[in-house]
Amino acid sequence: MSFFISPAYAEAAAAPGGLDPSMFNLIFLVGFGVIFYLFMWRPQAKRAKEHKALLSGLSKGDEVITAGGLIGKVVRLNEDYVVLSVNDTTELTFQKTHVSAALPKGTIKQI
């Protein structure tokens, strides 16, 4: 019976505006990558760079705040650790990576 009836094949539907569906997917993927870069990757890289500069610039006598919220003055430094004086008699040892910010000189006296 199929000898007498020719098969009918459906043509590919044209995308709105004449854009190929695979091209639309590619544009969507590239757009998603650009948004990911602008809103997530670049700001995180900037923060990491600033933190690395902060840690490399630490010196004895700097006043800093840790990630846990403790404020102290740097007494000693080595490659991985920093010793903070939080008052006249107490010194605490922290990993350098937990120093979150350097404070202006004289901040501890004001508190």
PDB file of N, CA and C in Angstrom:
ATOM      1  N   MET A   1       0.816  -1.186   0.000  1.00  0.00           N
ATOM      2  CA  MET A   1       0.000   0.000   0.000  1.00  0.00           C
ATOM      3  C   MET A   1       0.863   1.254   0.000  1.00  0.00           C
ATOM      4  N   SER A   2       2.055   1.198   0.617  1.00  0.00           N
ATOM      5  CA  SER A   2       2.901   2.369   0.675  1.00  0.00           C
ATOM      6  C   SER A   2       3.492   2.715  -0.682  1.00  0.00           C
ATOM      7  N   PHE A   3       3.325   1.837  -1.658  1.00  0.00           N
ATOM      8  CA  PHE A   3       3.819   2.154  -2.993  1.00  0.00           C
ATOM      9  C   PHE A   3       3.010   3.254  -3.644  1.00  0.00           C
ATOM     10  N   PHE A   4       1.766   3.352  -3.283  1.00  0.00           N
ATOM     11  CA  PHE A   4       0.876   4.306  -3.935  1.00  0.00           C
ATOM     12  C   PHE A   4       0.779   5.643  -3.208  1.00  0.00           C
ATOM     13  N   ILE A   5       1.101   5.646  -1.903  1.00  0.00           N
ATOM     14  CA  ILE A   5       0.977   6.875  -1.103  1.00  0.00           C
ATOM     15  C   ILE A   5       2.389   7.350  -0.743  1.00  0.00           C
ATOM     16  N   SER A   6       2.687   8.553  -1.136  1.00  0.00           N
ATOM     17  CA  SER A   6       4.003   9.086  -0.792  1.00  0.00           C
ATOM     18  C   SER A   6       3.997   9.583   0.651  1.00  0.00           C
ATOM     19  N   PRO A   7       5.092   9.340   1.380  1.00  0.00           N
ATOM     20  CA  PRO A   7       5.122   9.775   2.783  1.00  0.00           C
ATOM     21  C   PRO A   7       5.149  11.299   2.876  1.00  0.00           C
ATOM     22  N   ALA A   8       4.459  11.824   3.882  1.00  0.00           N
ATOM     23  CA  ALA A   8       4.418  13.271   4.113  1.00  0.00           C
ATOM     24  C   ALA A   8       5.330  13.590   5.294  1.00  0.00           C
ATOM     25  N   TYR A   9       6.352  14.386   5.043  1.00  0.00           N
ATOM     26  CA  TYR A   9       7.288  14.788   6.099  1.00  0.00           C
ATOM     27  C   TYR A   9       6.983  16.229   6.493  1.00  0.00           C
ATOM     28  N   ALA A  10       6.970  16.439   7.795  1.00  0.00           N
ATOM     29  CA  ALA A  10       6.707  17.800   8.281  1.00  0.00           C
ATOM     30  C   ALA A  10       7.970  18.636   8.145  1.00  0.00           C
ATOM     31  N   GLU A  11       7.810  19.855   7.704  1.00  0.00           N
ATOM     32  CA  GLU A  11       8.951  20.755   7.610  1.00  0.00           C
ATOM     33  C   GLU A  11       9.262  21.319   8.989  1.00  0.00           C
ATOM     34  N   ALA A  12      10.514  21.675   9.193  1.00  0.00           N
ATOM     35  CA  ALA A  12      10.905  22.273  10.463  1.00  0.00           C
ATOM     36  C   ALA A  12      10.220  23.621  10.611  1.00  0.00           C
ATOM     37  N   ALA A  13       9.654  23.826  11.772  1.00  0.00           N
ATOM     38  CA  ALA A  13       8.957  25.088  12.026  1.00  0.00           C
ATOM     39  C   ALA A  13       9.978  26.219  12.148  1.00  0.00           C
ATOM     40  N   ALA A  14       9.702  27.322  11.559  1.00  0.00           N
ATOM     41  CA  ALA A  14      10.607  28.467  11.611  1.00  0.00           C
ATOM     42  C   ALA A  14      10.452  29.160  12.961  1.00  0.00           C
ATOM     43  N   ALA A  15      11.580  29.512  13.558  1.00  0.00           N
ATOM     44  CA  ALA A  15      11.554  30.222  14.830  1.00  0.00           C
ATOM     45  C   ALA A  15      11.090  31.649  14.596  1.00  0.00           C
ATOM     46  N   PRO A  16      10.482  32.257  15.604  1.00  0.00           N
ATOM     47  CA  PRO A  16      10.049  33.650  15.458  1.00  0.00           C
ATOM     48  C   PRO A  16      11.234  34.545  15.127  1.00  0.00           C
ATOM     49  N   GLY A  17      11.048  35.373  14.170  1.00  0.00           N
ATOM     50  CA  GLY A  17      12.099  36.301  13.780  1.00  0.00           C
ATOM     51  C   GLY A  17      13.125  35.647  12.876  1.00  0.00           C
ATOM     52  N   GLY A  18      12.899  34.429  12.474  1.00  0.00           N
ATOM     53  CA  GLY A  18      13.806  33.754  11.572  1.00  0.00           C
ATOM     54  C   GLY A  18      15.092  33.268  12.232  1.00  0.00           C
ATOM     55  N   LEU A  19      15.145  33.141  13.562  1.00  0.00           N
ATOM     56  CA  LEU A  19      16.339  32.717  14.276  1.00  0.00           C
ATOM     57  C   LEU A  19      16.325  31.205  14.437  1.00  0.00           C
ATOM     58  N   ASP A  20      17.423  30.559  14.115  1.00  0.00           N
ATOM     59  CA  ASP A  20      17.551  29.117  14.240  1.00  0.00           C
ATOM     60  C   ASP A  20      17.502  28.731  15.724  1.00  0.00           C
ATOM     61  N   PRO A  21      16.754  27.690  16.104  1.00  0.00           N
ATOM     62  CA  PRO A  21      16.662  27.301  17.518  1.00  0.00           C
ATOM     63  C   PRO A  21      18.023  26.969  18.144  1.00  0.00           C
ATOM     64  N   SER A  22      18.916  26.357  17.410  1.00  0.00           N
ATOM     65  CA  SER A  22      20.226  26.049  17.983  1.00  0.00           C
ATOM     66  C   SER A  22      21.021  27.336  18.231  1.00  0.00           C
ATOM     67  N   MET A  23      20.844  28.317  17.371  1.00  0.00           N
ATOM     68  CA  MET A  23      21.514  29.602  17.565  1.00  0.00           C
ATOM     69  C   MET A  23      20.943  30.314  18.794  1.00  0.00           C
ATOM     70  N   PHE A  24      19.641  30.213  19.003  1.00  0.00           N
ATOM     71  CA  PHE A  24      19.014  30.807  20.183  1.00  0.00           C
ATOM     72  C   PHE A  24      19.585  30.168  21.449  1.00  0.00           C
ATOM     73  N   ASN A  25      19.757  28.850  21.455  1.00  0.00           N
ATOM     74  CA  ASN A  25      20.323  28.166  22.622  1.00  0.00           C
ATOM     75  C   ASN A  25      21.757  28.609  22.884  1.00  0.00           C
ATOM     76  N   LEU A  26      22.518  28.788  21.831  1.00  0.00           N
ATOM     77  CA  LEU A  26      23.891  29.246  21.979  1.00  0.00           C
ATOM     78  C   LEU A  26      23.938  30.660  22.558  1.00  0.00           C
ATOM     79  N   ILE A  27      23.096  31.543  22.051  1.00  0.00           N
ATOM     80  CA  ILE A  27      23.038  32.915  22.567  1.00  0.00           C
ATOM     81  C   ILE A  27      22.596  32.913  24.034  1.00  0.00           C
ATOM     82  N   PHE A  28      21.653  32.085  24.378  1.00  0.00           N
ATOM     83  CA  PHE A  28      21.179  31.971  25.757  1.00  0.00           C
ATOM     84  C   PHE A  28      22.306  31.492  26.674  1.00  0.00           C
ATOM     85  N   LEU A  29      23.070  30.500  26.236  1.00  0.00           N
ATOM     86  CA  LEU A  29      24.170  29.968  27.026  1.00  0.00           C
ATOM     87  C   LEU A  29      25.271  31.011  27.217  1.00  0.00           C
ATOM     88  N   VAL A  30      25.621  31.726  26.171  1.00  0.00           N
ATOM     89  CA  VAL A  30      26.637  32.779  26.267  1.00  0.00           C
ATOM     90  C   VAL A  30      26.147  33.903  27.190  1.00  0.00           C
ATOM     91  N   GLY A  31      24.886  34.278  27.068  1.00  0.00           N
ATOM     92  CA  GLY A  31      24.323  35.312  27.942  1.00  0.00           C
ATOM     93  C   GLY A  31      24.359  34.904  29.401  1.00  0.00           C
ATOM     94  N   PHE A  32      24.049  33.651  29.663  1.00  0.00           N
ATOM     95  CA  PHE A  32      24.109  33.146  31.037  1.00  0.00           C
ATOM     96  C   PHE A  32      25.536  33.185  31.564  1.00  0.00           C
ATOM     97  N   GLY A  33      26.501  32.834  30.725  1.00  0.00           N
ATOM     98  CA  GLY A  33      27.908  32.888  31.129  1.00  0.00           C
ATOM     99  C   GLY A  33      28.356  34.307  31.449  1.00  0.00           C
ATOM    100  N   VAL A  34      27.930  35.268  30.655  1.00  0.00           N
ATOM    101  CA  VAL A  34      28.284  36.676  30.898  1.00  0.00           C
ATOM    102  C   VAL A  34      27.683  37.160  32.215  1.00  0.00           C
ATOM    103  N   ILE A  35      26.444  36.826  32.464  1.00  0.00           N
ATOM    104  CA  ILE A  35      25.786  37.227  33.719  1.00  0.00           C
ATOM    105  C   ILE A  35      26.493  36.590  34.906  1.00  0.00           C
ATOM    106  N   PHE A  36      26.840  35.305  34.801  1.00  0.00           N
ATOM    107  CA  PHE A  36      27.567  34.615  35.872  1.00  0.00           C
ATOM    108  C   PHE A  36      28.893  35.321  36.151  1.00  0.00           C
ATOM    109  N   TYR A  37      29.623  35.680  35.106  1.00  0.00           N
ATOM    110  CA  TYR A  37      30.908  36.351  35.276  1.00  0.00           C
ATOM    111  C   TYR A  37      30.739  37.714  35.948  1.00  0.00           C
ATOM    112  N   LEU A  38      29.777  38.503  35.478  1.00  0.00           N
ATOM    113  CA  LEU A  38      29.625  39.868  35.993  1.00  0.00           C
ATOM    114  C   LEU A  38      29.117  39.921  37.426  1.00  0.00           C
ATOM    115  N   PHE A  39      28.225  39.010  37.794  1.00  0.00           N
ATOM    116  CA  PHE A  39      27.601  39.105  39.114  1.00  0.00           C
ATOM    117  C   PHE A  39      28.200  38.190  40.171  1.00  0.00           C
ATOM    118  N   MET A  40      28.975  37.174  39.766  1.00  0.00           N
ATOM    119  CA  MET A  40      29.509  36.265  40.766  1.00  0.00           C
ATOM    120  C   MET A  40      31.027  36.162  40.724  1.00  0.00           C
ATOM    121  N   TRP A  41      31.583  35.864  39.589  1.00  0.00           N
ATOM    122  CA  TRP A  41      33.008  35.576  39.495  1.00  0.00           C
ATOM    123  C   TRP A  41      33.861  36.815  39.743  1.00  0.00           C
ATOM    124  N   ARG A  42      33.591  37.894  39.056  1.00  0.00           N
ATOM    125  CA  ARG A  42      34.420  39.096  39.155  1.00  0.00           C
ATOM    126  C   ARG A  42      34.396  39.719  40.550  1.00  0.00           C
ATOM    127  N   PRO A  43      33.240  39.906  41.187  1.00  0.00           N
ATOM    128  CA  PRO A  43      33.264  40.476  42.551  1.00  0.00           C
ATOM    129  C   PRO A  43      33.992  39.585  43.559  1.00  0.00           C
ATOM    130  N   GLN A  44      33.838  38.268  43.440  1.00  0.00           N
ATOM    131  CA  GLN A  44      34.519  37.365  44.362  1.00  0.00           C
ATOM    132  C   GLN A  44      36.029  37.421  44.162  1.00  0.00           C
ATOM    133  N   ALA A  45      36.472  37.476  42.931  1.00  0.00           N
ATOM    134  CA  ALA A  45      37.908  37.576  42.644  1.00  0.00           C
ATOM    135  C   ALA A  45      38.465  38.898  43.175  1.00  0.00           C
ATOM    136  N   LYS A  46      37.681  39.961  43.063  1.00  0.00           N
ATOM    137  CA  LYS A  46      38.113  41.265  43.570  1.00  0.00           C
ATOM    138  C   LYS A  46      38.264  41.232  45.090  1.00  0.00           C
ATOM    139  N   ARG A  47      37.281  40.631  45.787  1.00  0.00           N
ATOM    140  CA  ARG A  47      37.362  40.527  47.245  1.00  0.00           C
ATOM    141  C   ARG A  47      38.552  39.677  47.678  1.00  0.00           C
ATOM    142  N   ALA A  48      38.803  38.581  46.980  1.00  0.00           N
ATOM    143  CA  ALA A  48      39.932  37.710  47.312  1.00  0.00           C
ATOM    144  C   ALA A  48      41.257  38.442  47.116  1.00  0.00           C
ATOM    145  N   LYS A  49      41.353  39.227  46.077  1.00  0.00           N
ATOM    146  CA  LYS A  49      42.567  39.998  45.807  1.00  0.00           C
ATOM    147  C   LYS A  49      42.801  41.046  46.896  1.00  0.00           C
ATOM    148  N   GLU A  50      41.732  41.735  47.312  1.00  0.00           N
ATOM    149  CA  GLU A  50      41.851  42.738  48.375  1.00  0.00           C
ATOM    150  C   GLU A  50      42.255  42.091  49.698  1.00  0.00           C
ATOM    151  N   HIS A  51      41.695  40.913  50.013  1.00  0.00           N
ATOM    152  CA  HIS A  51      42.017  40.224  51.258  1.00  0.00           C
ATOM    153  C   HIS A  51      43.473  39.760  51.257  1.00  0.00           C
ATOM    154  N   LYS A  52      43.942  39.272  50.124  1.00  0.00           N
ATOM    155  CA  LYS A  52      45.326  38.847  50.012  1.00  0.00           C
ATOM    156  C   LYS A  52      46.266  40.037  50.211  1.00  0.00           C
ATOM    157  N   ALA A  53      45.907  41.186  49.657  1.00  0.00           N
ATOM    158  CA  ALA A  53      46.716  42.398  49.840  1.00  0.00           C
ATOM    159  C   ALA A  53      46.708  42.832  51.308  1.00  0.00           C
ATOM    160  N   LEU A  54      45.570  42.702  51.978  1.00  0.00           N
ATOM    161  CA  LEU A  54      45.468  43.041  53.398  1.00  0.00           C
ATOM    162  C   LEU A  54      46.404  42.162  54.205  1.00  0.00           C
ATOM    163  N   LEU A  55      46.372  40.856  53.958  1.00  0.00           N
ATOM    164  CA  LEU A  55      47.198  39.928  54.731  1.00  0.00           C
ATOM    165  C   LEU A  55      48.688  40.135  54.470  1.00  0.00           C
ATOM    166  N   SER A  56      49.048  40.439  53.246  1.00  0.00           N
ATOM    167  CA  SER A  56      50.464  40.647  52.948  1.00  0.00           C
ATOM    168  C   SER A  56      50.963  41.979  53.510  1.00  0.00           C
ATOM    169  N   GLY A  57      50.067  42.912  53.753  1.00  0.00           N
ATOM    170  CA  GLY A  57      50.458  44.218  54.271  1.00  0.00           C
ATOM    171  C   GLY A  57      50.407  44.336  55.789  1.00  0.00           C
ATOM    172  N   LEU A  58      50.057  43.263  56.481  1.00  0.00           N
ATOM    173  CA  LEU A  58      50.004  43.314  57.948  1.00  0.00           C
ATOM    174  C   LEU A  58      51.402  43.492  58.527  1.00  0.00           C
ATOM    175  N   SER A  59      51.479  44.284  59.576  1.00  0.00           N
ATOM    176  CA  SER A  59      52.757  44.465  60.264  1.00  0.00           C
ATOM    177  C   SER A  59      52.481  44.638  61.753  1.00  0.00           C
ATOM    178  N   LYS A  60      53.537  44.546  62.530  1.00  0.00           N
ATOM    179  CA  LYS A  60      53.437  44.683  63.978  1.00  0.00           C
ATOM    180  C   LYS A  60      52.899  46.069  64.322  1.00  0.00           C
ATOM    181  N   GLY A  61      51.920  46.120  65.222  1.00  0.00           N
ATOM    182  CA  GLY A  61      51.333  47.385  65.648  1.00  0.00           C
ATOM    183  C   GLY A  61      50.036  47.730  64.943  1.00  0.00           C
ATOM    184  N   ASP A  62      49.693  47.022  63.879  1.00  0.00           N
ATOM    185  CA  ASP A  62      48.421  47.268  63.185  1.00  0.00           C
ATOM    186  C   ASP A  62      47.251  46.841  64.064  1.00  0.00           C
ATOM    187  N   GLU A  63      46.177  47.567  63.965  1.00  0.00           N
ATOM    188  CA  GLU A  63      44.951  47.216  64.676  1.00  0.00           C
ATOM    189  C   GLU A  63      44.010  46.559  63.680  1.00  0.00           C
ATOM    190  N   VAL A  64      43.507  45.370  64.049  1.00  0.00           N
ATOM    191  CA  VAL A  64      42.706  44.574  63.122  1.00  0.00           C
ATOM    192  C   VAL A  64      41.467  44.032  63.811  1.00  0.00           C
ATOM    193  N   ILE A  65      40.537  43.572  62.987  1.00  0.00           N
ATOM    194  CA  ILE A  65      39.357  42.879  63.485  1.00  0.00           C
ATOM    195  C   ILE A  65      39.346  41.497  62.837  1.00  0.00           C
ATOM    196  N   THR A  66      39.005  40.481  63.621  1.00  0.00           N
ATOM    197  CA  THR A  66      38.992  39.114  63.104  1.00  0.00           C
ATOM    198  C   THR A  66      37.608  38.772  62.567  1.00  0.00           C
ATOM    199  N   ALA A  67      37.516  37.613  61.911  1.00  0.00           N
ATOM    200  CA  ALA A  67      36.232  37.162  61.383  1.00  0.00           C
ATOM    201  C   ALA A  67      35.237  36.908  62.506  1.00  0.00           C
ATOM    202  N   GLY A  68      35.732  36.608  63.698  1.00  0.00           N
ATOM    203  CA  GLY A  68      34.846  36.380  64.842  1.00  0.00           C
ATOM    204  C   GLY A  68      34.439  37.655  65.550  1.00  0.00           C
ATOM    205  N   GLY A  69      34.989  38.792  65.137  1.00  0.00           N
ATOM    206  CA  GLY A  69      34.594  40.066  65.714  1.00  0.00           C
ATOM    207  C   GLY A  69      35.519  40.581  66.803  1.00  0.00           C
ATOM    208  N   LEU A  70      36.628  39.903  67.078  1.00  0.00           N
ATOM    209  CA  LEU A  70      37.567  40.381  68.091  1.00  0.00           C
ATOM    210  C   LEU A  70      38.460  41.471  67.508  1.00  0.00           C
ATOM    211  N   ILE A  71      38.668  42.503  68.304  1.00  0.00           N
ATOM    212  CA  ILE A  71      39.528  43.604  67.887  1.00  0.00           C
ATOM    213  C   ILE A  71      40.809  43.520  68.697  1.00  0.00           C
ATOM    214  N   GLY A  72      41.947  43.657  68.012  1.00  0.00           N
ATOM    215  CA  GLY A  72      43.216  43.587  68.718  1.00  0.00           C
ATOM    216  C   GLY A  72      44.329  44.234  67.934  1.00  0.00           C
ATOM    217  N   LYS A  73      45.479  44.353  68.605  1.00  0.00           N
ATOM    218  CA  LYS A  73      46.669  44.926  67.997  1.00  0.00           C
ATOM    219  C   LYS A  73      47.642  43.792  67.706  1.00  0.00           C
ATOM    220  N   VAL A  74      48.227  43.811  66.508  1.00  0.00           N
ATOM    221  CA  VAL A  74      49.158  42.760  66.100  1.00  0.00           C
ATOM    222  C   VAL A  74      50.436  42.886  66.917  1.00  0.00           C
ATOM    223  N   VAL A  75      50.802  41.777  67.603  1.00  0.00           N
ATOM    224  CA  VAL A  75      52.015  41.744  68.412  1.00  0.00           C
ATOM    225  C   VAL A  75      53.130  41.013  67.674  1.00  0.00           C
ATOM    226  N   ARG A  76      52.794  39.842  67.114  1.00  0.00           N
ATOM    227  CA  ARG A  76      53.774  39.046  66.372  1.00  0.00           C
ATOM    228  C   ARG A  76      53.110  38.465  65.135  1.00  0.00           C
ATOM    229  N   LEU A  77      53.935  38.256  64.110  1.00  0.00           N
ATOM    230  CA  LEU A  77      53.479  37.651  62.855  1.00  0.00           C
ATOM    231  C   LEU A  77      54.447  36.559  62.441  1.00  0.00           C
ATOM    232  N   ASN A  78      53.919  35.534  61.812  1.00  0.00           N
ATOM    233  CA  ASN A  78      54.769  34.622  61.054  1.00  0.00           C
ATOM    234  C   ASN A  78      54.017  34.262  59.783  1.00  0.00           C
ATOM    235  N   GLU A  79      54.457  33.234  59.091  1.00  0.00           N
ATOM    236  CA  GLU A  79      53.888  32.921  57.773  1.00  0.00           C
ATOM    237  C   GLU A  79      52.387  32.633  57.824  1.00  0.00           C
ATOM    238  N   ASP A  80      51.932  31.892  58.833  1.00  0.00           N
ATOM    239  CA  ASP A  80      50.532  31.455  58.882  1.00  0.00           C
ATOM    240  C   ASP A  80      49.721  32.032  60.032  1.00  0.00           C
ATOM    241  N   TYR A  81      50.388  32.512  61.081  1.00  0.00           N
ATOM    242  CA  TYR A  81      49.669  32.937  62.278  1.00  0.00           C
ATOM    243  C   TYR A  81      49.980  34.383  62.641  1.00  0.00           C
ATOM    244  N   VAL A  82      49.036  34.968  63.371  1.00  0.00           N
ATOM    245  CA  VAL A  82      49.192  36.318  63.893  1.00  0.00           C
ATOM    246  C   VAL A  82      48.791  36.284  65.368  1.00  0.00           C
ATOM    247  N   VAL A  83      49.559  36.953  66.208  1.00  0.00           N
ATOM    248  CA  VAL A  83      49.247  37.041  67.630  1.00  0.00           C
ATOM    249  C   VAL A  83      48.700  38.437  67.890  1.00  0.00           C
ATOM    250  N   LEU A  84      47.486  38.479  68.459  1.00  0.00           N
ATOM    251  CA  LEU A  84      46.824  39.750  68.741  1.00  0.00           C
ATOM    252  C   LEU A  84      46.781  40.002  70.232  1.00  0.00           C
ATOM    253  N   SER A  85      47.030  41.227  70.610  1.00  0.00           N
ATOM    254  CA  SER A  85      46.871  41.654  71.992  1.00  0.00           C
ATOM    255  C   SER A  85      45.498  42.302  72.095  1.00  0.00           C
ATOM    256  N   VAL A  86      44.596  41.663  72.860  1.00  0.00           N
ATOM    257  CA  VAL A  86      43.243  42.199  72.981  1.00  0.00           C
ATOM    258  C   VAL A  86      43.097  43.119  74.185  1.00  0.00           C
ATOM    259  N   ASN A  87      43.990  42.981  75.170  1.00  0.00           N
ATOM    260  CA  ASN A  87      44.084  43.951  76.268  1.00  0.00           C
ATOM    261  C   ASN A  87      45.509  43.874  76.810  1.00  0.00           C
ATOM    262  N   ASP A  88      45.761  44.487  77.951  1.00  0.00           N
ATOM    263  CA  ASP A  88      47.135  44.559  78.463  1.00  0.00           C
ATOM    264  C   ASP A  88      47.718  43.195  78.812  1.00  0.00           C
ATOM    265  N   THR A  89      46.883  42.239  79.195  1.00  0.00           N
ATOM    266  CA  THR A  89      47.402  40.954  79.672  1.00  0.00           C
ATOM    267  C   THR A  89      47.066  39.760  78.775  1.00  0.00           C
ATOM    268  N   THR A  90      46.223  39.934  77.794  1.00  0.00           N
ATOM    269  CA  THR A  90      45.760  38.797  76.995  1.00  0.00           C
ATOM    270  C   THR A  90      46.245  38.892  75.559  1.00  0.00           C
ATOM    271  N   GLU A  91      46.892  37.811  75.122  1.00  0.00           N
ATOM    272  CA  GLU A  91      47.312  37.687  73.730  1.00  0.00           C
ATOM    273  C   GLU A  91      46.684  36.426  73.159  1.00  0.00           C
ATOM    274  N   LEU A  92      46.117  36.536  71.971  1.00  0.00           N
ATOM    275  CA  LEU A  92      45.463  35.406  71.316  1.00  0.00           C
ATOM    276  C   LEU A  92      46.128  35.139  69.971  1.00  0.00           C
ATOM    277  N   THR A  93      46.226  33.869  69.618  1.00  0.00           N
ATOM    278  CA  THR A  93      46.836  33.478  68.347  1.00  0.00           C
ATOM    279  C   THR A  93      45.737  33.094  67.363  1.00  0.00           C
ATOM    280  N   PHE A  94      45.820  33.642  66.153  1.00  0.00           N
ATOM    281  CA  PHE A  94      44.841  33.366  65.091  1.00  0.00           C
ATOM    282  C   PHE A  94      45.569  33.003  63.813  1.00  0.00           C
ATOM    283  N   GLN A  95      44.879  32.297  62.948  1.00  0.00           N
ATOM    284  CA  GLN A  95      45.398  32.118  61.603  1.00  0.00           C
ATOM    285  C   GLN A  95      45.259  33.454  60.881  1.00  0.00           C
ATOM    286  N   LYS A  96      46.213  33.749  60.037  1.00  0.00           N
ATOM    287  CA  LYS A  96      46.185  35.026  59.320  1.00  0.00           C
ATOM    288  C   LYS A  96      44.919  35.182  58.475  1.00  0.00           C
ATOM    289  N   THR A  97      44.425  34.085  57.943  1.00  0.00           N
ATOM    290  CA  THR A  97      43.267  34.167  57.054  1.00  0.00           C
ATOM    291  C   THR A  97      42.007  34.639  57.771  1.00  0.00           C
ATOM    292  N   HIS A  98      41.999  34.578  59.111  1.00  0.00           N
ATOM    293  CA  HIS A  98      40.820  35.018  59.856  1.00  0.00           C
ATOM    294  C   HIS A  98      40.818  36.508  60.177  1.00  0.00           C
ATOM    295  N   VAL A  99      41.854  37.207  59.782  1.00  0.00           N
ATOM    296  CA  VAL A  99      41.854  38.670  59.906  1.00  0.00           C
ATOM    297  C   VAL A  99      40.989  39.203  58.774  1.00  0.00           C
ATOM    298  N   SER A 100      39.924  39.927  59.140  1.00  0.00           N
ATOM    299  CA  SER A 100      38.990  40.363  58.103  1.00  0.00           C
ATOM    300  C   SER A 100      39.172  41.816  57.689  1.00  0.00           C
ATOM    301  N   ALA A 101      39.726  42.657  58.554  1.00  0.00           N
ATOM    302  CA  ALA A 101      39.896  44.060  58.179  1.00  0.00           C
ATOM    303  C   ALA A 101      40.951  44.718  59.056  1.00  0.00           C
ATOM    304  N   ALA A 102      41.612  45.702  58.499  1.00  0.00           N
ATOM    305  CA  ALA A 102      42.540  46.536  59.267  1.00  0.00           C
ATOM    306  C   ALA A 102      41.782  47.787  59.688  1.00  0.00           C
ATOM    307  N   LEU A 103      41.975  48.168  60.916  1.00  0.00           N
ATOM    308  CA  LEU A 103      41.286  49.334  61.462  1.00  0.00           C
ATOM    309  C   LEU A 103      42.226  50.545  61.457  1.00  0.00           C
ATOM    310  N   PRO A 104      41.657  51.745  61.467  1.00  0.00           N
ATOM    311  CA  PRO A 104      42.502  52.945  61.554  1.00  0.00           C
ATOM    312  C   PRO A 104      43.245  52.980  62.893  1.00  0.00           C
ATOM    313  N   LYS A 105      44.414  53.561  62.875  1.00  0.00           N
ATOM    314  CA  LYS A 105      45.215  53.669  64.106  1.00  0.00           C
ATOM    315  C   LYS A 105      44.433  54.443  65.164  1.00  0.00           C
ATOM    316  N   GLY A 106      44.505  53.961  66.393  1.00  0.00           N
ATOM    317  CA  GLY A 106      43.823  54.619  67.501  1.00  0.00           C
ATOM    318  C   GLY A 106      42.407  54.144  67.742  1.00  0.00           C
ATOM    319  N   THR A 107      41.946  53.177  66.997  1.00  0.00           N
ATOM    320  CA  THR A 107      40.581  52.670  67.177  1.00  0.00           C
ATOM    321  C   THR A 107      40.409  51.995  68.519  1.00  0.00           C
ATOM    322  N   ILE A 108      41.406  51.252  68.958  1.00  0.00           N
ATOM    323  CA  ILE A 108      41.292  50.506  70.219  1.00  0.00           C
ATOM    324  C   ILE A 108      41.219  51.469  71.401  1.00  0.00           C
ATOM    325  N   LYS A 109      41.896  52.570  71.356  1.00  0.00           N
ATOM    326  CA  LYS A 109      41.844  53.552  72.445  1.00  0.00           C
ATOM    327  C   LYS A 109      40.462  54.180  72.579  1.00  0.00           C
ATOM    328  N   GLN A 110      39.730  54.292  71.457  1.00  0.00           N
ATOM    329  CA  GLN A 110      38.416  54.930  71.458  1.00  0.00           C
ATOM    330  C   GLN A 110      37.337  54.027  72.046  1.00  0.00           C
ATOM    331  N   ILE A 111      37.579  52.732  72.053  1.00  0.00           N
ATOM    332  CA  ILE A 111      36.529  51.794  72.483  1.00  0.00           C
ATOM    333  C   ILE A 111      36.442  51.689  73.969  1.00  0.00           C
TER     334      ILE A 111
END
